[in-house]
Amino acid sequence: MEYNSKGVLNSLFRTRNLLLTPKREWERIAPENSTTKELFRNFSFPVIALCAIIAAGGSYIHTKDVLIAGSKLFVDFLALNLGLYCAAKLIILLAPNFQLQIDEVVIFKLVIYSASTFCVFHGLAQLFTPFSFLNQICLLLELYFIRILWLGISSILPIASNKRPGFTVMASLLILVLPLIFERMFSILFRLPLTI
């Protein structure tokens, strides 16, 4: 399916394609020219906003409190965007350790697009009771982003094949851990029920 890089529907189509046909989607992404601001505005914000709305809906289902659901929406949106931004910045700082001298936008593209699937399953997990079977399945499916990240690294980064596993592990840990740290920190600040 052909589409431009603007609009909420296009962000959702791209996320769906990254889930179902990641290798083909990375081939489409590789030649695109976008600024970091455009990546966040046209892709990250719409996808994360939708995931935060789903998480807030799950919070409302479990607590029946509109204030907690609204706070959850704000916390998830802020934590995921801030976490991905910081993850990309740290990957840029660590890139020379892997003999990489690359444009910052390429790293942001890699982080934002690969983490979209993490965000989707993270939002869906909030719909279910914590520690329930479906909640745990969604949390497990969050890790699917590592495969998408691996395919993205091989598609858009000029990295030696022997450095790719280490780079993938480092990037995966940052993408996984930083949003969760920010979510936990903001949940404590806003006195929300703590979830994983």
N, C-alpha and C. Protein backbone atom coordinates (compact mmCIF):
# COMPACT_ATOMS: atom_id res chain seq x y z
N MET A 1 0.83 -1.18 0.00
CA MET A 1 0.00 0.00 0.00
C MET A 1 0.87 1.24 0.00
N GLU A 2 0.63 2.14 -0.91
CA GLU A 2 1.40 3.38 -1.00
C GLU A 2 0.73 4.46 -0.19
N TYR A 3 1.54 5.23 0.52
CA TYR A 3 1.00 6.33 1.30
C TYR A 3 2.11 7.32 1.57
N ASN A 4 1.73 8.56 1.88
CA ASN A 4 2.75 9.52 2.25
C ASN A 4 3.03 9.40 3.74
N SER A 5 3.97 10.20 4.24
CA SER A 5 4.38 10.04 5.63
C SER A 5 3.58 10.91 6.59
N LYS A 6 2.46 11.47 6.15
CA LYS A 6 1.69 12.34 7.01
C LYS A 6 0.34 11.73 7.34
N GLY A 7 -0.16 12.04 8.52
CA GLY A 7 -1.50 11.63 8.89
C GLY A 7 -1.52 10.44 9.82
N VAL A 8 -2.54 10.43 10.66
CA VAL A 8 -2.69 9.38 11.66
C VAL A 8 -2.91 8.02 11.00
N LEU A 9 -3.75 7.96 9.98
CA LEU A 9 -4.01 6.68 9.31
C LEU A 9 -2.74 6.11 8.70
N ASN A 10 -1.92 6.98 8.12
CA ASN A 10 -0.67 6.50 7.54
C ASN A 10 0.27 5.95 8.61
N SER A 11 0.26 6.56 9.79
CA SER A 11 1.07 6.05 10.90
C SER A 11 0.60 4.66 11.31
N LEU A 12 -0.72 4.49 11.34
CA LEU A 12 -1.27 3.19 11.71
C LEU A 12 -0.98 2.13 10.65
N PHE A 13 -1.08 2.51 9.37
CA PHE A 13 -0.74 1.58 8.29
C PHE A 13 0.72 1.16 8.38
N ARG A 14 1.60 2.14 8.67
CA ARG A 14 3.02 1.81 8.76
C ARG A 14 3.27 0.89 9.95
N THR A 15 2.62 1.13 11.06
CA THR A 15 2.78 0.25 12.23
C THR A 15 2.30 -1.15 11.91
N ARG A 16 1.16 -1.24 11.23
CA ARG A 16 0.65 -2.55 10.83
C ARG A 16 1.65 -3.26 9.92
N ASN A 17 2.21 -2.53 8.97
CA ASN A 17 3.18 -3.13 8.05
C ASN A 17 4.45 -3.56 8.78
N LEU A 18 4.88 -2.78 9.77
CA LEU A 18 6.05 -3.18 10.55
C LEU A 18 5.78 -4.45 11.35
N LEU A 19 4.54 -4.63 11.78
CA LEU A 19 4.17 -5.85 12.49
C LEU A 19 4.13 -7.06 11.56
N LEU A 20 3.53 -6.88 10.38
CA LEU A 20 3.25 -8.01 9.50
C LEU A 20 4.36 -8.28 8.47
N THR A 21 4.91 -7.23 7.89
CA THR A 21 5.95 -7.39 6.86
C THR A 21 7.09 -6.42 7.14
N PRO A 22 7.83 -6.64 8.23
CA PRO A 22 8.84 -5.66 8.63
C PRO A 22 9.97 -5.46 7.63
N LYS A 23 10.41 -6.53 6.99
CA LYS A 23 11.54 -6.39 6.06
C LYS A 23 11.15 -5.51 4.87
N ARG A 24 9.98 -5.74 4.32
CA ARG A 24 9.51 -4.93 3.19
C ARG A 24 9.29 -3.47 3.61
N GLU A 25 8.79 -3.26 4.83
CA GLU A 25 8.53 -1.90 5.30
C GLU A 25 9.83 -1.14 5.54
N TRP A 26 10.86 -1.83 6.04
CA TRP A 26 12.16 -1.18 6.22
C TRP A 26 12.75 -0.78 4.87
N GLU A 27 12.48 -1.56 3.84
CA GLU A 27 12.96 -1.19 2.50
C GLU A 27 12.29 0.10 2.03
N ARG A 28 11.03 0.30 2.41
CA ARG A 28 10.34 1.56 2.08
C ARG A 28 10.86 2.72 2.93
N ILE A 29 11.18 2.43 4.19
CA ILE A 29 11.62 3.48 5.11
C ILE A 29 13.01 3.98 4.77
N ALA A 30 13.91 3.07 4.37
CA ALA A 30 15.32 3.40 4.17
C ALA A 30 15.56 4.64 3.31
N PRO A 31 14.93 4.80 2.16
CA PRO A 31 15.24 5.97 1.33
C PRO A 31 14.53 7.27 1.75
N GLU A 32 13.62 7.18 2.70
CA GLU A 32 12.86 8.37 3.09
C GLU A 32 13.74 9.39 3.80
N ASN A 33 13.48 10.65 3.52
CA ASN A 33 14.19 11.74 4.20
C ASN A 33 13.21 12.45 5.12
N SER A 34 13.48 12.39 6.40
CA SER A 34 12.64 13.07 7.40
C SER A 34 13.54 13.68 8.45
N THR A 35 13.08 14.75 9.06
CA THR A 35 13.79 15.30 10.21
C THR A 35 13.29 14.59 11.46
N THR A 36 14.02 14.76 12.54
CA THR A 36 13.60 14.16 13.81
C THR A 36 12.23 14.70 14.21
N LYS A 37 12.04 15.99 14.03
CA LYS A 37 10.76 16.62 14.38
C LYS A 37 9.62 16.00 13.58
N GLU A 38 9.86 15.77 12.29
CA GLU A 38 8.82 15.15 11.45
C GLU A 38 8.53 13.72 11.87
N LEU A 39 9.57 12.98 12.26
CA LEU A 39 9.37 11.60 12.72
C LEU A 39 8.48 11.56 13.95
N PHE A 40 8.72 12.46 14.89
CA PHE A 40 7.89 12.50 16.08
C PHE A 40 6.48 13.00 15.75
N ARG A 41 6.39 14.09 15.00
CA ARG A 41 5.09 14.69 14.72
C ARG A 41 4.22 13.79 13.84
N ASN A 42 4.80 13.21 12.80
CA ASN A 42 4.01 12.45 11.83
C ASN A 42 3.84 10.97 12.17
N PHE A 43 4.71 10.44 13.03
CA PHE A 43 4.60 9.01 13.32
C PHE A 43 4.50 8.70 14.81
N SER A 44 5.49 9.13 15.57
CA SER A 44 5.53 8.76 16.98
C SER A 44 4.34 9.30 17.77
N PHE A 45 4.06 10.59 17.65
CA PHE A 45 2.96 11.16 18.43
C PHE A 45 1.61 10.49 18.15
N PRO A 46 1.22 10.29 16.88
CA PRO A 46 -0.08 9.63 16.65
C PRO A 46 -0.14 8.20 17.18
N VAL A 47 0.92 7.42 16.95
CA VAL A 47 0.92 6.02 17.39
C VAL A 47 0.90 5.94 18.91
N ILE A 48 1.75 6.73 19.55
CA ILE A 48 1.82 6.69 21.01
C ILE A 48 0.55 7.26 21.62
N ALA A 49 -0.05 8.28 21.00
CA ALA A 49 -1.31 8.83 21.50
C ALA A 49 -2.39 7.75 21.49
N LEU A 50 -2.47 6.99 20.41
CA LEU A 50 -3.46 5.91 20.33
C LEU A 50 -3.20 4.85 21.41
N CYS A 51 -1.94 4.49 21.59
CA CYS A 51 -1.59 3.50 22.61
C CYS A 51 -1.91 4.03 24.01
N ALA A 52 -1.66 5.32 24.24
CA ALA A 52 -1.97 5.92 25.54
C ALA A 52 -3.47 5.97 25.78
N ILE A 53 -4.25 6.20 24.73
CA ILE A 53 -5.72 6.19 24.86
C ILE A 53 -6.20 4.79 25.22
N ILE A 54 -5.61 3.78 24.59
CA ILE A 54 -5.98 2.39 24.91
C ILE A 54 -5.62 2.08 26.37
N ALA A 55 -4.42 2.49 26.80
CA ALA A 55 -4.00 2.25 28.18
C ALA A 55 -4.91 2.99 29.16
N ALA A 56 -5.30 4.23 28.82
CA ALA A 56 -6.20 4.99 29.69
C ALA A 56 -7.57 4.31 29.76
N GLY A 57 -8.03 3.76 28.64
CA GLY A 57 -9.28 3.02 28.64
C GLY A 57 -9.21 1.82 29.55
N GLY A 58 -8.09 1.10 29.49
CA GLY A 58 -7.90 -0.04 30.39
C GLY A 58 -7.86 0.40 31.85
N SER A 59 -7.22 1.52 32.11
CA SER A 59 -7.17 2.06 33.47
C SER A 59 -8.57 2.41 33.97
N TYR A 60 -9.38 2.99 33.09
CA TYR A 60 -10.75 3.34 33.48
C TYR A 60 -11.59 2.08 33.74
N ILE A 61 -11.39 1.05 32.91
CA ILE A 61 -12.12 -0.21 33.09
C ILE A 61 -11.82 -0.80 34.47
N HIS A 62 -10.56 -0.72 34.90
CA HIS A 62 -10.15 -1.36 36.15
C HIS A 62 -10.44 -0.50 37.38
N THR A 63 -10.40 0.83 37.24
CA THR A 63 -10.55 1.69 38.43
C THR A 63 -11.87 2.44 38.47
N LYS A 64 -12.52 2.61 37.32
CA LYS A 64 -13.76 3.40 37.21
C LYS A 64 -13.55 4.85 37.67
N ASP A 65 -12.31 5.33 37.54
CA ASP A 65 -11.97 6.69 37.95
C ASP A 65 -11.45 7.47 36.74
N VAL A 66 -12.20 8.50 36.36
CA VAL A 66 -11.83 9.29 35.17
C VAL A 66 -10.51 10.03 35.39
N LEU A 67 -10.29 10.51 36.60
CA LEU A 67 -9.05 11.25 36.89
C LEU A 67 -7.82 10.36 36.73
N ILE A 68 -7.92 9.13 37.24
CA ILE A 68 -6.79 8.19 37.09
C ILE A 68 -6.59 7.83 35.62
N ALA A 69 -7.68 7.63 34.88
CA ALA A 69 -7.56 7.31 33.46
C ALA A 69 -6.93 8.47 32.69
N GLY A 70 -7.34 9.70 33.00
CA GLY A 70 -6.76 10.87 32.34
C GLY A 70 -5.29 11.03 32.67
N SER A 71 -4.93 10.78 33.92
CA SER A 71 -3.52 10.84 34.32
C SER A 71 -2.72 9.76 33.62
N LYS A 72 -3.31 8.59 33.48
CA LYS A 72 -2.64 7.47 32.79
C LYS A 72 -2.37 7.83 31.33
N LEU A 73 -3.34 8.48 30.69
CA LEU A 73 -3.17 8.93 29.31
C LEU A 73 -1.97 9.86 29.19
N PHE A 74 -1.92 10.84 30.06
CA PHE A 74 -0.83 11.82 30.05
C PHE A 74 0.51 11.16 30.35
N VAL A 75 0.54 10.31 31.38
CA VAL A 75 1.78 9.65 31.79
C VAL A 75 2.32 8.75 30.69
N ASP A 76 1.46 7.93 30.09
CA ASP A 76 1.93 7.02 29.04
C ASP A 76 2.43 7.79 27.82
N PHE A 77 1.69 8.82 27.41
CA PHE A 77 2.11 9.60 26.24
C PHE A 77 3.46 10.25 26.50
N LEU A 78 3.62 10.87 27.65
CA LEU A 78 4.87 11.56 27.97
C LEU A 78 6.01 10.57 28.17
N ALA A 79 5.77 9.49 28.92
CA ALA A 79 6.83 8.54 29.24
C ALA A 79 7.35 7.82 27.99
N LEU A 80 6.44 7.41 27.11
CA LEU A 80 6.89 6.69 25.91
C LEU A 80 7.67 7.60 24.97
N ASN A 81 7.17 8.82 24.74
CA ASN A 81 7.89 9.74 23.86
C ASN A 81 9.23 10.16 24.44
N LEU A 82 9.24 10.50 25.72
CA LEU A 82 10.48 10.91 26.37
C LEU A 82 11.47 9.75 26.44
N GLY A 83 10.97 8.55 26.74
CA GLY A 83 11.83 7.37 26.80
C GLY A 83 12.48 7.06 25.47
N LEU A 84 11.70 7.15 24.38
CA LEU A 84 12.26 6.87 23.05
C LEU A 84 13.25 7.95 22.63
N TYR A 85 12.97 9.20 22.97
CA TYR A 85 13.90 10.29 22.65
C TYR A 85 15.23 10.07 23.37
N CYS A 86 15.17 9.77 24.67
CA CYS A 86 16.40 9.54 25.44
C CYS A 86 17.14 8.29 24.97
N ALA A 87 16.39 7.25 24.61
CA ALA A 87 17.03 6.03 24.10
C ALA A 87 17.80 6.34 22.83
N ALA A 88 17.20 7.10 21.92
CA ALA A 88 17.88 7.46 20.67
C ALA A 88 19.13 8.29 20.96
N LYS A 89 19.03 9.25 21.87
CA LYS A 89 20.19 10.08 22.20
C LYS A 89 21.32 9.25 22.80
N LEU A 90 20.99 8.29 23.67
CA LEU A 90 22.03 7.44 24.25
C LEU A 90 22.64 6.51 23.21
N ILE A 91 21.84 6.02 22.28
CA ILE A 91 22.37 5.17 21.21
C ILE A 91 23.34 5.99 20.34
N ILE A 92 22.99 7.24 20.08
CA ILE A 92 23.88 8.12 19.30
C ILE A 92 25.21 8.29 20.04
N LEU A 93 25.15 8.47 21.36
CA LEU A 93 26.39 8.61 22.14
C LEU A 93 27.22 7.34 22.13
N LEU A 94 26.55 6.18 22.10
CA LEU A 94 27.27 4.90 22.15
C LEU A 94 27.66 4.37 20.77
N ALA A 95 27.15 4.97 19.70
CA ALA A 95 27.42 4.48 18.33
C ALA A 95 28.91 4.39 17.99
N PRO A 96 29.76 5.35 18.42
CA PRO A 96 31.20 5.22 18.09
C PRO A 96 31.83 3.94 18.63
N ASN A 97 31.28 3.36 19.71
CA ASN A 97 31.82 2.10 20.24
C ASN A 97 31.62 0.95 19.26
N PHE A 98 30.72 1.12 18.30
CA PHE A 98 30.47 0.10 17.28
C PHE A 98 31.01 0.53 15.92
N GLN A 99 31.97 1.47 15.93
CA GLN A 99 32.56 2.04 14.71
C GLN A 99 31.49 2.60 13.78
N LEU A 100 30.51 3.29 14.35
CA LEU A 100 29.44 3.90 13.56
C LEU A 100 29.54 5.41 13.61
N GLN A 101 29.61 6.02 12.47
CA GLN A 101 29.50 7.47 12.34
C GLN A 101 28.31 7.72 11.43
N ILE A 102 27.16 7.93 12.02
CA ILE A 102 25.94 8.04 11.21
C ILE A 102 25.14 9.26 11.61
N ASP A 103 24.24 9.63 10.73
CA ASP A 103 23.37 10.76 10.95
C ASP A 103 22.41 10.45 12.11
N GLU A 104 22.18 11.46 12.96
CA GLU A 104 21.27 11.29 14.09
C GLU A 104 19.88 10.85 13.65
N VAL A 105 19.42 11.38 12.53
CA VAL A 105 18.06 11.08 12.07
C VAL A 105 17.89 9.59 11.80
N VAL A 106 18.94 8.93 11.33
CA VAL A 106 18.87 7.50 11.06
C VAL A 106 18.62 6.72 12.35
N ILE A 107 19.29 7.13 13.44
CA ILE A 107 19.07 6.46 14.73
C ILE A 107 17.66 6.73 15.23
N PHE A 108 17.19 7.98 15.11
CA PHE A 108 15.82 8.28 15.54
C PHE A 108 14.81 7.48 14.71
N LYS A 109 15.08 7.36 13.41
CA LYS A 109 14.20 6.57 12.55
C LYS A 109 14.16 5.11 13.02
N LEU A 110 15.33 4.57 13.31
CA LEU A 110 15.44 3.18 13.77
C LEU A 110 14.68 2.98 15.09
N VAL A 111 14.89 3.88 16.04
CA VAL A 111 14.27 3.75 17.36
C VAL A 111 12.75 3.93 17.28
N ILE A 112 12.31 5.00 16.62
CA ILE A 112 10.88 5.32 16.60
C ILE A 112 10.08 4.26 15.86
N TYR A 113 10.55 3.84 14.70
CA TYR A 113 9.78 2.85 13.94
C TYR A 113 9.79 1.48 14.59
N SER A 114 10.94 1.05 15.10
CA SER A 114 10.98 -0.29 15.70
C SER A 114 10.21 -0.32 17.02
N ALA A 115 10.22 0.78 17.77
CA ALA A 115 9.52 0.81 19.06
C ALA A 115 8.01 0.94 18.93
N SER A 116 7.52 1.21 17.73
CA SER A 116 6.07 1.37 17.58
C SER A 116 5.33 0.09 17.97
N THR A 117 5.88 -1.06 17.65
CA THR A 117 5.22 -2.31 18.03
C THR A 117 5.28 -2.53 19.54
N PHE A 118 6.38 -2.13 20.15
CA PHE A 118 6.48 -2.18 21.61
C PHE A 118 5.36 -1.35 22.24
N CYS A 119 5.15 -0.15 21.71
CA CYS A 119 4.12 0.75 22.24
C CYS A 119 2.72 0.18 22.08
N VAL A 120 2.46 -0.44 20.93
CA VAL A 120 1.13 -1.02 20.68
C VAL A 120 0.82 -2.10 21.71
N PHE A 121 1.72 -3.05 21.90
CA PHE A 121 1.47 -4.13 22.85
C PHE A 121 1.50 -3.64 24.29
N HIS A 122 2.28 -2.60 24.55
CA HIS A 122 2.30 -2.01 25.89
C HIS A 122 0.93 -1.41 26.22
N GLY A 123 0.33 -0.72 25.26
CA GLY A 123 -1.00 -0.16 25.45
C GLY A 123 -2.05 -1.25 25.61
N LEU A 124 -1.98 -2.28 24.76
CA LEU A 124 -2.96 -3.37 24.82
C LEU A 124 -2.88 -4.13 26.15
N ALA A 125 -1.68 -4.26 26.71
CA ALA A 125 -1.51 -4.97 27.98
C ALA A 125 -2.30 -4.30 29.10
N GLN A 126 -2.47 -2.98 29.01
CA GLN A 126 -3.17 -2.24 30.05
C GLN A 126 -4.68 -2.50 30.05
N LEU A 127 -5.20 -3.06 28.94
CA LEU A 127 -6.63 -3.36 28.88
C LEU A 127 -7.02 -4.52 29.80
N PHE A 128 -6.05 -5.35 30.12
CA PHE A 128 -6.33 -6.56 30.88
C PHE A 128 -5.87 -6.41 32.32
N THR A 129 -6.46 -7.17 33.19
CA THR A 129 -6.10 -7.15 34.61
C THR A 129 -4.62 -7.48 34.75
N PRO A 130 -3.89 -6.71 35.57
CA PRO A 130 -2.46 -7.01 35.76
C PRO A 130 -2.25 -8.46 36.18
N PHE A 131 -1.25 -9.07 35.58
CA PHE A 131 -0.84 -10.45 35.84
C PHE A 131 -1.84 -11.49 35.33
N SER A 132 -2.84 -11.06 34.56
CA SER A 132 -3.73 -12.04 33.94
C SER A 132 -3.01 -12.66 32.74
N PHE A 133 -3.57 -13.73 32.22
CA PHE A 133 -2.94 -14.43 31.10
C PHE A 133 -2.78 -13.51 29.89
N LEU A 134 -3.85 -12.79 29.51
CA LEU A 134 -3.78 -11.91 28.33
C LEU A 134 -2.84 -10.73 28.55
N ASN A 135 -2.79 -10.23 29.78
CA ASN A 135 -1.84 -9.16 30.10
C ASN A 135 -0.41 -9.65 29.90
N GLN A 136 -0.12 -10.84 30.36
CA GLN A 136 1.24 -11.39 30.25
C GLN A 136 1.60 -11.70 28.79
N ILE A 137 0.62 -12.15 28.01
CA ILE A 137 0.86 -12.40 26.59
C ILE A 137 1.23 -11.10 25.88
N CYS A 138 0.48 -10.04 26.18
CA CYS A 138 0.79 -8.72 25.56
C CYS A 138 2.17 -8.23 25.98
N LEU A 139 2.50 -8.41 27.24
CA LEU A 139 3.83 -7.99 27.71
C LEU A 139 4.93 -8.79 27.02
N LEU A 140 4.67 -10.07 26.78
CA LEU A 140 5.64 -10.90 26.06
C LEU A 140 5.76 -10.45 24.60
N LEU A 141 4.63 -10.11 23.99
CA LEU A 141 4.64 -9.66 22.59
C LEU A 141 5.32 -8.30 22.41
N GLU A 142 5.47 -7.54 23.49
CA GLU A 142 6.23 -6.29 23.42
C GLU A 142 7.64 -6.54 22.87
N LEU A 143 8.18 -7.71 23.18
CA LEU A 143 9.55 -8.03 22.78
C LEU A 143 9.70 -8.28 21.28
N TYR A 144 8.59 -8.36 20.57
CA TYR A 144 8.65 -8.54 19.12
C TYR A 144 9.39 -7.37 18.45
N PHE A 145 9.43 -6.22 19.13
CA PHE A 145 10.12 -5.08 18.54
C PHE A 145 11.60 -5.37 18.31
N ILE A 146 12.17 -6.34 19.03
CA ILE A 146 13.59 -6.66 18.86
C ILE A 146 13.83 -7.21 17.46
N ARG A 147 12.92 -8.04 16.97
CA ARG A 147 13.05 -8.56 15.60
C ARG A 147 12.97 -7.42 14.59
N ILE A 148 12.04 -6.50 14.80
CA ILE A 148 11.89 -5.37 13.88
C ILE A 148 13.12 -4.48 13.94
N LEU A 149 13.68 -4.30 15.13
CA LEU A 149 14.90 -3.53 15.29
C LEU A 149 16.06 -4.20 14.55
N TRP A 150 16.18 -5.52 14.67
CA TRP A 150 17.24 -6.28 13.99
C TRP A 150 17.16 -6.08 12.48
N LEU A 151 15.95 -6.20 11.95
CA LEU A 151 15.77 -6.02 10.50
C LEU A 151 16.05 -4.58 10.08
N GLY A 152 15.69 -3.63 10.93
CA GLY A 152 15.97 -2.22 10.63
C GLY A 152 17.44 -1.92 10.64
N ILE A 153 18.17 -2.50 11.59
CA ILE A 153 19.61 -2.29 11.67
C ILE A 153 20.28 -2.79 10.40
N SER A 154 19.87 -3.96 9.93
CA SER A 154 20.49 -4.50 8.71
C SER A 154 20.07 -3.72 7.47
N SER A 155 18.93 -3.02 7.52
CA SER A 155 18.44 -2.28 6.35
C SER A 155 19.00 -0.87 6.25
N ILE A 156 19.14 -0.17 7.40
CA ILE A 156 19.48 1.26 7.30
C ILE A 156 20.79 1.66 7.96
N LEU A 157 21.47 0.73 8.64
CA LEU A 157 22.74 1.09 9.29
C LEU A 157 23.91 0.41 8.60
N PRO A 158 24.97 1.16 8.33
CA PRO A 158 26.18 0.55 7.77
C PRO A 158 27.05 -0.03 8.89
N ILE A 159 26.60 -1.15 9.44
CA ILE A 159 27.31 -1.74 10.58
C ILE A 159 27.85 -3.11 10.19
N ALA A 160 29.04 -3.42 10.69
CA ALA A 160 29.65 -4.72 10.40
C ALA A 160 28.79 -5.83 11.01
N SER A 161 28.74 -6.96 10.33
CA SER A 161 27.87 -8.05 10.79
C SER A 161 28.27 -8.57 12.17
N ASN A 162 29.56 -8.51 12.51
CA ASN A 162 29.97 -8.99 13.83
C ASN A 162 29.62 -8.00 14.94
N LYS A 163 29.33 -6.74 14.59
CA LYS A 163 28.94 -5.72 15.58
C LYS A 163 27.42 -5.65 15.75
N ARG A 164 26.67 -6.21 14.79
CA ARG A 164 25.21 -6.07 14.80
C ARG A 164 24.55 -6.69 16.04
N PRO A 165 24.93 -7.92 16.49
CA PRO A 165 24.27 -8.46 17.69
C PRO A 165 24.46 -7.59 18.93
N GLY A 166 25.67 -7.11 19.16
CA GLY A 166 25.92 -6.26 20.33
C GLY A 166 25.15 -4.95 20.26
N PHE A 167 25.12 -4.36 19.06
CA PHE A 167 24.38 -3.11 18.88
C PHE A 167 22.89 -3.33 19.11
N THR A 168 22.37 -4.45 18.63
CA THR A 168 20.95 -4.77 18.80
C THR A 168 20.60 -4.95 20.27
N VAL A 169 21.45 -5.65 21.01
CA VAL A 169 21.20 -5.85 22.44
C VAL A 169 21.21 -4.51 23.17
N MET A 170 22.21 -3.68 22.89
CA MET A 170 22.31 -2.38 23.55
C MET A 170 21.09 -1.51 23.23
N ALA A 171 20.73 -1.42 21.95
CA ALA A 171 19.59 -0.60 21.55
C ALA A 171 18.29 -1.14 22.12
N SER A 172 18.13 -2.47 22.11
CA SER A 172 16.90 -3.08 22.64
C SER A 172 16.71 -2.77 24.12
N LEU A 173 17.79 -2.88 24.87
CA LEU A 173 17.69 -2.60 26.30
C LEU A 173 17.30 -1.15 26.57
N LEU A 174 17.90 -0.24 25.82
CA LEU A 174 17.56 1.18 26.02
C LEU A 174 16.12 1.47 25.62
N ILE A 175 15.68 0.92 24.49
CA ILE A 175 14.30 1.15 24.03
C ILE A 175 13.29 0.53 24.99
N LEU A 176 13.64 -0.59 25.58
CA LEU A 176 12.73 -1.28 26.49
C LEU A 176 12.70 -0.63 27.88
N VAL A 177 13.86 -0.30 28.40
CA VAL A 177 13.96 0.11 29.79
C VAL A 177 13.62 1.59 30.02
N LEU A 178 14.09 2.48 29.16
CA LEU A 178 13.90 3.91 29.43
C LEU A 178 12.43 4.34 29.47
N PRO A 179 11.59 3.94 28.52
CA PRO A 179 10.17 4.31 28.65
C PRO A 179 9.53 3.77 29.93
N LEU A 180 9.91 2.56 30.34
CA LEU A 180 9.35 1.98 31.56
C LEU A 180 9.82 2.73 32.80
N ILE A 181 11.08 3.17 32.80
CA ILE A 181 11.58 3.97 33.92
C ILE A 181 10.81 5.28 34.03
N PHE A 182 10.63 5.96 32.88
CA PHE A 182 9.88 7.22 32.89
C PHE A 182 8.43 6.98 33.30
N GLU A 183 7.84 5.88 32.84
CA GLU A 183 6.45 5.58 33.21
C GLU A 183 6.34 5.36 34.72
N ARG A 184 7.27 4.61 35.28
CA ARG A 184 7.26 4.37 36.72
C ARG A 184 7.46 5.68 37.49
N MET A 185 8.39 6.49 37.04
CA MET A 185 8.68 7.75 37.72
C MET A 185 7.46 8.68 37.69
N PHE A 186 6.83 8.83 36.51
CA PHE A 186 5.65 9.70 36.41
C PHE A 186 4.45 9.12 37.15
N SER A 187 4.34 7.78 37.18
CA SER A 187 3.25 7.16 37.93
C SER A 187 3.37 7.47 39.42
N ILE A 188 4.60 7.47 39.92
CA ILE A 188 4.82 7.81 41.33
C ILE A 188 4.49 9.28 41.57
N LEU A 189 4.94 10.14 40.65
CA LEU A 189 4.66 11.58 40.79
C LEU A 189 3.16 11.88 40.77
N PHE A 190 2.42 11.18 39.90
CA PHE A 190 0.98 11.42 39.78
C PHE A 190 0.15 10.50 40.68
N ARG A 191 0.84 9.70 41.50
CA ARG A 191 0.18 8.79 42.42
C ARG A 191 -0.79 7.85 41.74
N LEU A 192 -0.32 7.26 40.67
CA LEU A 192 -1.13 6.29 39.93
C LEU A 192 -0.80 4.88 40.42
N PRO A 193 -1.74 3.94 40.25
CA PRO A 193 -1.42 2.54 40.57
C PRO A 193 -0.25 2.08 39.69
N LEU A 194 0.74 1.47 40.28
CA LEU A 194 1.93 1.06 39.55
C LEU A 194 1.67 -0.21 38.79
N THR A 195 2.01 -0.21 37.49
CA THR A 195 1.92 -1.40 36.66
C THR A 195 3.23 -1.55 35.92
N ILE A 196 3.42 -2.68 35.30
CA ILE A 196 4.64 -2.90 34.52
C ILE A 196 4.35 -2.56 33.08
